[in-house]
C-alpha atoms as a PDB file:
ATOM      1  CA  MET A   1       0.000   0.000   0.000  1.00  0.00           C
ATOM      2  CA  THR A   2       1.320   3.430  -0.905  1.00  0.00           C
ATOM      3  CA  MET A   3       1.621   6.298   1.536  1.00  0.00           C
ATOM      4  CA  SER A   4      -1.087   8.260  -0.331  1.00  0.00           C
ATOM      5  CA  HIS A   5      -3.528   5.339  -0.187  1.00  0.00           C
ATOM      6  CA  ALA A   6      -2.930   4.898   3.533  1.00  0.00           C
ATOM      7  CA  LEU A   7      -3.451   8.608   4.127  1.00  0.00           C
ATOM      8  CA  ASN A   8      -6.712   8.611   2.170  1.00  0.00           C
ATOM      9  CA  ARG A   9      -8.009   5.639   4.136  1.00  0.00           C
ATOM     10  CA  GLY A  10      -7.113   7.405   7.378  1.00  0.00           C
ATOM     11  CA  VAL A  11      -8.966  10.546   6.357  1.00  0.00           C
ATOM     12  CA  ARG A  12     -12.044   8.530   5.429  1.00  0.00           C
ATOM     13  CA  ALA A  13     -11.933   6.664   8.749  1.00  0.00           C
ATOM     14  CA  LEU A  14     -11.702   9.955  10.669  1.00  0.00           C
ATOM     15  CA  ALA A  15     -14.649  11.355   8.729  1.00  0.00           C
ATOM     16  CA  VAL A  16     -16.778   8.322   9.581  1.00  0.00           C
ATOM     17  CA  ALA A  17     -15.829   8.524  13.262  1.00  0.00           C
ATOM     18  CA  THR A  18     -16.697  12.198  13.371  1.00  0.00           C
ATOM     19  CA  ALA A  19     -20.055  11.609  11.687  1.00  0.00           C
ATOM     20  CA  THR A  20     -21.084   8.933  14.199  1.00  0.00           C
ATOM     21  CA  CYS A  21     -19.505  10.050  17.447  1.00  0.00           C
ATOM     22  CA  GLY A  22     -18.900  13.761  17.008  1.00  0.00           C
ATOM     23  CA  ILE A  23     -20.466  16.549  19.063  1.00  0.00           C
ATOM     24  CA  LEU A  24     -22.373  19.212  17.182  1.00  0.00           C
ATOM     25  CA  VAL A  25     -24.283  22.273  18.310  1.00  0.00           C
ATOM     26  CA  ALA A  26     -27.945  22.837  17.517  1.00  0.00           C
ATOM     27  CA  ALA A  27     -27.692  26.588  17.274  1.00  0.00           C
ATOM     28  CA  THR A  28     -31.114  27.603  15.955  1.00  0.00           C
ATOM     29  CA  SER A  29     -34.706  26.476  16.060  1.00  0.00           C
ATOM     30  CA  THR A  30     -34.806  25.883  12.298  1.00  0.00           C
ATOM     31  CA  ALA A  31     -31.762  23.727  11.677  1.00  0.00           C
ATOM     32  CA  ALA A  32     -28.828  22.533  13.737  1.00  0.00           C
ATOM     33  CA  ALA A  33     -26.852  21.720  10.632  1.00  0.00           C
ATOM     34  CA  ASP A  34     -27.543  21.303   6.921  1.00  0.00           C
ATOM     35  CA  ASP A  35     -28.862  17.786   7.475  1.00  0.00           C
ATOM     36  CA  GLY A  36     -29.325  17.891  11.261  1.00  0.00           C
ATOM     37  CA  PRO A  37     -32.396  18.114  13.505  1.00  0.00           C
ATOM     38  CA  THR A  38     -34.239  21.229  14.574  1.00  0.00           C
ATOM     39  CA  ARG A  39     -34.131  22.259  18.206  1.00  0.00           C
ATOM     40  CA  GLU A  40     -37.826  21.351  18.466  1.00  0.00           C
ATOM     41  CA  LEU A  41     -37.094  17.747  17.441  1.00  0.00           C
ATOM     42  CA  LEU A  42     -34.317  17.453  20.018  1.00  0.00           C
ATOM     43  CA  ARG A  43     -36.583  18.971  22.681  1.00  0.00           C
ATOM     44  CA  THR A  44     -39.309  16.451  21.832  1.00  0.00           C
ATOM     45  CA  ASP A  45     -36.849  13.601  22.347  1.00  0.00           C
ATOM     46  CA  CYS A  46     -35.919  15.075  25.742  1.00  0.00           C
ATOM     47  CA  GLU A  47     -39.582  15.293  26.737  1.00  0.00           C
ATOM     48  CA  SER A  48     -40.342  11.741  25.678  1.00  0.00           C
ATOM     49  CA  GLY A  49     -37.162  10.198  27.054  1.00  0.00           C
ATOM     50  CA  VAL A  50     -35.988   8.961  23.655  1.00  0.00           C
ATOM     51  CA  GLY A  51     -32.902  11.079  24.217  1.00  0.00           C
ATOM     52  CA  LYS A  52     -31.021  10.979  27.523  1.00  0.00           C
ATOM     53  CA  CYS A  53     -30.966  14.680  28.317  1.00  0.00           C
ATOM     54  CA  SER A  54     -29.382  16.961  30.878  1.00  0.00           C
ATOM     55  CA  PHE A  55     -29.469  20.734  31.399  1.00  0.00           C
ATOM     56  CA  ASN A  56     -25.862  21.722  32.076  1.00  0.00           C
ATOM     57  CA  ASP A  57     -24.292  24.751  33.794  1.00  0.00           C
ATOM     58  CA  PRO A  58     -27.529  26.518  34.803  1.00  0.00           C
ATOM     59  CA  THR A  59     -27.166  30.242  35.510  1.00  0.00           C
ATOM     60  CA  LEU A  60     -29.932  32.080  37.357  1.00  0.00           C
ATOM     61  CA  GLY A  61     -30.714  35.636  36.313  1.00  0.00           C
ATOM     62  CA  GLU A  62     -31.921  38.355  38.672  1.00  0.00           C
ATOM     63  CA  ALA A  63     -35.572  38.049  39.631  1.00  0.00           C
ATOM     64  CA  TYR A  64     -38.044  40.602  38.306  1.00  0.00           C
ATOM     65  CA  LEU A  65     -41.753  41.360  38.614  1.00  0.00           C
ATOM     66  CA  GLY A  66     -43.725  40.018  35.675  1.00  0.00           C
ATOM     67  CA  LYS A  67     -46.602  41.718  33.902  1.00  0.00           C
ATOM     68  CA  PHE A  68     -49.934  42.314  35.628  1.00  0.00           C
ATOM     69  CA  ARG A  69     -52.704  40.003  34.416  1.00  0.00           C
ATOM     70  CA  GLN A  70     -56.407  39.884  35.227  1.00  0.00           C
ATOM     71  CA  VAL A  71     -57.001  37.006  37.650  1.00  0.00           C
ATOM     72  CA  SER A  72     -60.627  37.559  38.713  1.00  0.00           C
ATOM     73  CA  ASP A  73     -64.054  38.008  37.182  1.00  0.00           C
ATOM     74  CA  SER A  74     -65.154  41.559  36.366  1.00  0.00           C
ATOM     75  CA  LEU A  75     -67.608  43.556  38.492  1.00  0.00           C
ATOM     76  CA  PHE A  76     -69.857  45.891  36.486  1.00  0.00           C
ATOM     77  CA  ASN A  77     -71.564  48.643  38.481  1.00  0.00           C
ATOM     78  CA  CYS A  78     -74.788  49.706  36.775  1.00  0.00           C
ATOM     79  CA  SER A  79     -76.099  51.417  39.905  1.00  0.00           C
ATOM     80  CA  THR A  80     -75.817  55.044  40.990  1.00  0.00           C
ATOM     81  CA  SER A  81     -73.713  54.367  44.084  1.00  0.00           C
ATOM     82  CA  PRO A  82     -70.396  52.598  44.790  1.00  0.00           C
ATOM     83  CA  ALA A  83     -70.631  48.793  44.765  1.00  0.00           C
ATOM     84  CA  THR A  84     -68.491  46.711  47.116  1.00  0.00           C
ATOM     85  CA  GLN A  85     -68.157  42.972  46.751  1.00  0.00           C
ATOM     86  CA  SER A  86     -65.758  40.207  47.793  1.00  0.00           C
ATOM     87  CA  MET A  87     -64.080  38.791  44.694  1.00  0.00           C
ATOM     88  CA  THR A  88     -62.174  35.514  44.506  1.00  0.00           C
ATOM     89  CA  TRP A  89     -59.084  35.370  42.329  1.00  0.00           C
ATOM     90  CA  THR A  90     -56.870  32.539  41.085  1.00  0.00           C
ATOM     91  CA  ASP A  91     -53.573  32.813  39.250  1.00  0.00           C
ATOM     92  CA  SER A  92     -51.533  30.020  37.669  1.00  0.00           C
ATOM     93  CA  VAL A  93     -48.139  30.874  36.166  1.00  0.00           C
ATOM     94  CA  GLY A  94     -46.080  28.469  34.066  1.00  0.00           C
ATOM     95  CA  SER A  95     -42.647  28.425  32.424  1.00  0.00           C
ATOM     96  CA  THR A  96     -41.550  28.900  28.819  1.00  0.00           C
ATOM     97  CA  ASP A  97     -38.325  28.326  26.915  1.00  0.00           C
ATOM     98  CA  SER A  98     -36.359  30.796  24.788  1.00  0.00           C
ATOM     99  CA  VAL A  99     -38.786  30.501  21.859  1.00  0.00           C
ATOM    100  CA  GLY A 100     -41.890  30.829  24.027  1.00  0.00           C
ATOM    101  CA  VAL A 101     -42.836  27.142  24.193  1.00  0.00           C
ATOM    102  CA  SER A 102     -44.335  25.923  27.467  1.00  0.00           C
ATOM    103  CA  VAL A 103     -42.224  23.522  29.518  1.00  0.00           C
ATOM    104  CA  THR A 104     -45.119  22.577  31.795  1.00  0.00           C
ATOM    105  CA  THR A 105     -47.271  20.609  29.344  1.00  0.00           C
ATOM    106  CA  GLY A 106     -45.924  17.222  30.350  1.00  0.00           C
ATOM    107  CA  GLY A 107     -42.746  15.325  29.606  1.00  0.00           C
ATOM    108  CA  ASN A 108     -39.364  15.462  31.318  1.00  0.00           C
ATOM    109  CA  ILE A 109     -38.216  19.020  30.584  1.00  0.00           C
ATOM    110  CA  ALA A 110     -39.336  20.684  33.836  1.00  0.00           C
ATOM    111  CA  GLY A 111     -37.939  17.852  35.978  1.00  0.00           C
ATOM    112  CA  ILE A 112     -34.556  17.968  34.240  1.00  0.00           C
ATOM    113  CA  VAL A 113     -34.240  21.731  34.790  1.00  0.00           C
ATOM    114  CA  ASP A 114     -35.284  21.381  38.445  1.00  0.00           C
ATOM    115  CA  LEU A 115     -32.699  18.637  39.007  1.00  0.00           C
ATOM    116  CA  SER A 116     -29.946  20.778  37.488  1.00  0.00           C
ATOM    117  CA  VAL A 117     -30.832  23.955  39.424  1.00  0.00           C
ATOM    118  CA  THR A 118     -31.210  22.038  42.691  1.00  0.00           C
ATOM    119  CA  ALA A 119     -27.798  20.405  42.270  1.00  0.00           C
ATOM    120  CA  THR A 120     -26.126  23.729  41.455  1.00  0.00           C
ATOM    121  CA  TYR A 121     -27.867  26.150  43.820  1.00  0.00           C
ATOM    122  CA  ASN A 122     -29.120  23.795  46.537  1.00  0.00           C
ATOM    123  CA  HIS A 123     -32.722  24.926  46.190  1.00  0.00           C
ATOM    124  CA  THR A 124     -35.612  23.682  44.096  1.00  0.00           C
ATOM    125  CA  TRP A 125     -36.855  25.321  40.930  1.00  0.00           C
ATOM    126  CA  SER A 126     -40.583  25.266  40.228  1.00  0.00           C
ATOM    127  CA  SER A 127     -41.992  25.266  36.709  1.00  0.00           C
ATOM    128  CA  THR A 128     -45.455  26.370  37.868  1.00  0.00           C
ATOM    129  CA  HIS A 129     -46.998  28.421  40.648  1.00  0.00           C
ATOM    130  CA  THR A 130     -50.703  28.616  41.528  1.00  0.00           C
ATOM    131  CA  GLU A 131     -52.163  30.954  44.109  1.00  0.00           C
ATOM    132  CA  SER A 132     -55.681  32.047  45.033  1.00  0.00           C
ATOM    133  CA  SER A 133     -57.389  34.279  47.571  1.00  0.00           C
ATOM    134  CA  SER A 134     -60.238  36.791  47.876  1.00  0.00           C
ATOM    135  CA  LEU A 135     -60.338  40.562  48.120  1.00  0.00           C
ATOM    136  CA  ASN A 136     -63.014  43.202  48.776  1.00  0.00           C
ATOM    137  CA  MET A 137     -63.375  45.428  45.735  1.00  0.00           C
ATOM    138  CA  THR A 138     -65.248  48.724  45.427  1.00  0.00           C
ATOM    139  CA  VAL A 139     -66.333  49.894  41.979  1.00  0.00           C
ATOM    140  CA  GLN A 140     -67.718  53.350  41.248  1.00  0.00           C
ATOM    141  CA  PRO A 141     -70.987  53.864  39.300  1.00  0.00           C
ATOM    142  CA  GLY A 142     -70.556  53.367  35.573  1.00  0.00           C
ATOM    143  CA  GLU A 143     -67.239  51.539  35.958  1.00  0.00           C
ATOM    144  CA  VAL A 144     -65.865  47.993  35.657  1.00  0.00           C
ATOM    145  CA  GLY A 145     -63.456  46.581  38.237  1.00  0.00           C
ATOM    146  CA  TRP A 146     -61.262  43.502  38.428  1.00  0.00           C
ATOM    147  CA  ILE A 147     -58.248  42.102  40.268  1.00  0.00           C
ATOM    148  CA  SER A 148     -54.830  41.836  38.618  1.00  0.00           C
ATOM    149  CA  ARG A 149     -51.718  40.064  39.834  1.00  0.00           C
ATOM    150  CA  ALA A 150     -48.019  40.092  38.927  1.00  0.00           C
ATOM    151  CA  GLN A 151     -45.730  37.141  39.722  1.00  0.00           C
ATOM    152  CA  VAL A 152     -42.036  37.317  40.571  1.00  0.00           C
ATOM    153  CA  MET A 153     -40.229  35.676  37.641  1.00  0.00           C
ATOM    154  CA  GLN A 154     -36.679  34.467  37.014  1.00  0.00           C
ATOM    155  CA  ARG A 155     -34.692  33.208  34.025  1.00  0.00           C
ATOM    156  CA  VAL A 156     -32.324  30.251  34.106  1.00  0.00           C
ATOM    157  CA  SER A 157     -29.906  29.788  31.198  1.00  0.00           C
ATOM    158  CA  GLY A 158     -27.961  26.665  30.355  1.00  0.00           C
ATOM    159  CA  THR A 159     -27.003  24.151  27.688  1.00  0.00           C
ATOM    160  CA  TRP A 160     -29.032  21.089  26.840  1.00  0.00           C
ATOM    161  CA  GLN A 161     -27.178  17.861  26.107  1.00  0.00           C
ATOM    162  CA  THR A 162     -28.973  15.039  24.312  1.00  0.00           C
ATOM    163  CA  HIS A 163     -27.352  11.593  24.251  1.00  0.00           C
ATOM    164  CA  TYR A 164     -28.602   8.732  22.094  1.00  0.00           C
ATOM    165  CA  ASP A 165     -27.719   5.063  22.503  1.00  0.00           C
ATOM    166  CA  SER A 166     -27.357   4.859  18.713  1.00  0.00           C
ATOM    167  CA  PRO A 167     -26.400   7.720  16.390  1.00  0.00           C
ATOM    168  CA  LYS A 168     -29.341   9.923  15.435  1.00  0.00           C
ATOM    169  CA  TRP A 169     -28.948  12.437  12.623  1.00  0.00           C
ATOM    170  CA  GLY A 170     -25.426  11.040  12.418  1.00  0.00           C
ATOM    171  CA  HIS A 171     -24.339  11.725  16.016  1.00  0.00           C
ATOM    172  CA  TYR A 172     -24.607  10.373  19.537  1.00  0.00           C
ATOM    173  CA  TYR A 173     -24.620  13.828  21.134  1.00  0.00           C
ATOM    174  CA  TRP A 174     -26.401  17.106  20.345  1.00  0.00           C
ATOM    175  CA  PHE A 175     -26.183  20.381  22.264  1.00  0.00           C
ATOM    176  CA  TRP A 176     -28.152  23.635  22.222  1.00  0.00           C
ATOM    177  CA  GLY A 177     -28.408  26.685  24.450  1.00  0.00           C
ATOM    178  CA  ASP A 178     -31.688  27.630  26.101  1.00  0.00           C
ATOM    179  CA  THR A 179     -33.190  30.082  28.579  1.00  0.00           C
ATOM    180  CA  ILE A 180     -36.179  29.046  30.699  1.00  0.00           C
ATOM    181  CA  THR A 181     -38.396  31.738  32.227  1.00  0.00           C
ATOM    182  CA  GLY A 182     -40.548  30.693  35.157  1.00  0.00           C
ATOM    183  CA  PRO A 183     -42.082  31.745  38.481  1.00  0.00           C
ATOM    184  CA  ALA A 184     -39.742  32.450  41.378  1.00  0.00           C
ATOM    185  CA  LYS A 185     -40.364  32.307  45.101  1.00  0.00           C
ATOM    186  CA  ASN A 186     -41.905  35.455  46.554  1.00  0.00           C
ATOM    187  CA  GLY A 187     -39.145  37.683  47.934  1.00  0.00           C
ATOM    188  CA  THR A 188     -36.431  36.405  45.567  1.00  0.00           C
ATOM    189  CA  ASP A 189     -33.795  39.142  45.094  1.00  0.00           C
ATOM    190  CA  GLY A 190     -36.028  41.497  47.092  1.00  0.00           C
ATOM    191  CA  LYS A 191     -38.908  41.295  44.585  1.00  0.00           C
ATOM    192  CA  SER A 192     -42.468  40.667  45.802  1.00  0.00           C
ATOM    193  CA  ASN A 193     -45.616  39.402  44.122  1.00  0.00           C
ATOM    194  CA  ALA A 194     -48.302  42.072  43.730  1.00  0.00           C
ATOM    195  CA  VAL A 195     -52.107  41.995  43.762  1.00  0.00           C
ATOM    196  CA  VAL A 196     -54.040  45.160  42.849  1.00  0.00           C
ATOM    197  CA  VAL A 197     -57.598  46.249  42.124  1.00  0.00           C
ATOM    198  CA  LYS A 198     -58.044  47.929  38.749  1.00  0.00           C
ATOM    199  CA  SER A 199     -61.004  49.691  37.156  1.00  0.00           C
ATOM    200  CA  ARG A 200     -62.065  51.575  34.053  1.00  0.00           C
ATOM    201  CA  LYS A 201     -65.034  53.451  32.681  1.00  0.00           C
ATOM    202  CA  MET A 202     -67.661  51.369  30.918  1.00  0.00           C
ATOM    203  CA  THR A 203     -67.797  51.559  27.149  1.00  0.00           C
ATOM    204  CA  ALA A 204     -70.901  52.976  25.450  1.00  0.00           C
ATOM    205  CA  ALA A 205     -72.062  49.448  24.629  1.00  0.00           C
ATOM    206  CA  GLU A 206     -71.558  48.301  28.231  1.00  0.00           C
ATOM    207  CA  LYS A 207     -73.515  51.271  29.555  1.00  0.00           C
ATOM    208  CA  LYS A 208     -76.336  50.443  27.147  1.00  0.00           C
ATOM    209  CA  SER A 209     -76.410  46.855  28.404  1.00  0.00           C
ATOM    210  CA  CYS A 210     -76.894  48.153  31.956  1.00  0.00           C
ATOM    211  CA  SER A 211     -80.487  49.048  31.122  1.00  0.00           C
ATOM    212  CA  ALA A 212     -81.292  45.562  29.854  1.00  0.00           C
ATOM    213  CA  GLY A 213     -83.285  43.157  31.997  1.00  0.00           C
ATOM    214  CA  SER A 214     -82.064  42.289  35.483  1.00  0.00           C
ATOM    215  CA  LYS A 215     -78.832  44.302  35.107  1.00  0.00           C
ATOM    216  CA  ALA A 216     -80.586  47.647  35.381  1.00  0.00           C
ATOM    217  CA  GLY A 217     -79.682  49.652  38.458  1.00  0.00           C
ATOM    218  CA  ARG A 218     -77.430  47.060  40.098  1.00  0.00           C
ATOM    219  CA  ALA A 219     -73.940  45.589  40.072  1.00  0.00           C
ATOM    220  CA  PHE A 220     -73.275  42.265  38.402  1.00  0.00           C
ATOM    221  CA  VAL A 221     -70.326  39.948  37.851  1.00  0.00           C
ATOM    222  CA  LYS A 222     -69.162  38.800  34.428  1.00  0.00           C
ATOM    223  CA  GLN A 223     -66.870  35.785  34.235  1.00  0.00           C
ATOM    224  CA  HIS A 224     -63.302  36.377  33.104  1.00  0.00           C
END
């Protein structure tokens, strides 16, 4: 065998080894490589357990107060005096990944992130938070009132590693970066959850409906 033939065989052997055992990066949600998987396909394998996945080197960002959202029914005051009523509210906050996909719809994703954060920071990470209570609310005549709540949120960034027992898309391992945004414990980094009563003037159509049937001259609740 000539030196050139031996060299060519060595190059081909290295190429095959790289194709089957190499480590590539799934950099975008559309394509990890020209013939590789999308990030969504890799994520699906993590959720189902087809791929043995871990969330490596988690880094927690500073907590912040999320957006206010309506968490109660609405109280319409069709009377001529202030209306006060006890309103029950319920709020459930989940987690999403860097492309806005929920991580709380089943599968292994949330548990893998929790395991990684717990091991690194010695405290649990929760993918969901649900809270409920009641609050007295006063609404002025001709107005609509409701209860809004804002949850303390926190981002955790890391790198997913997917390992297959047999090469998939030509490789045993695939990696991609991700940031998970989810609810944080009240008081994290000095931030606190907030519950407020909000109100607005009725629209012309809402005022017109006040004179219809049993709604006339009284306050009524409309489901959220």
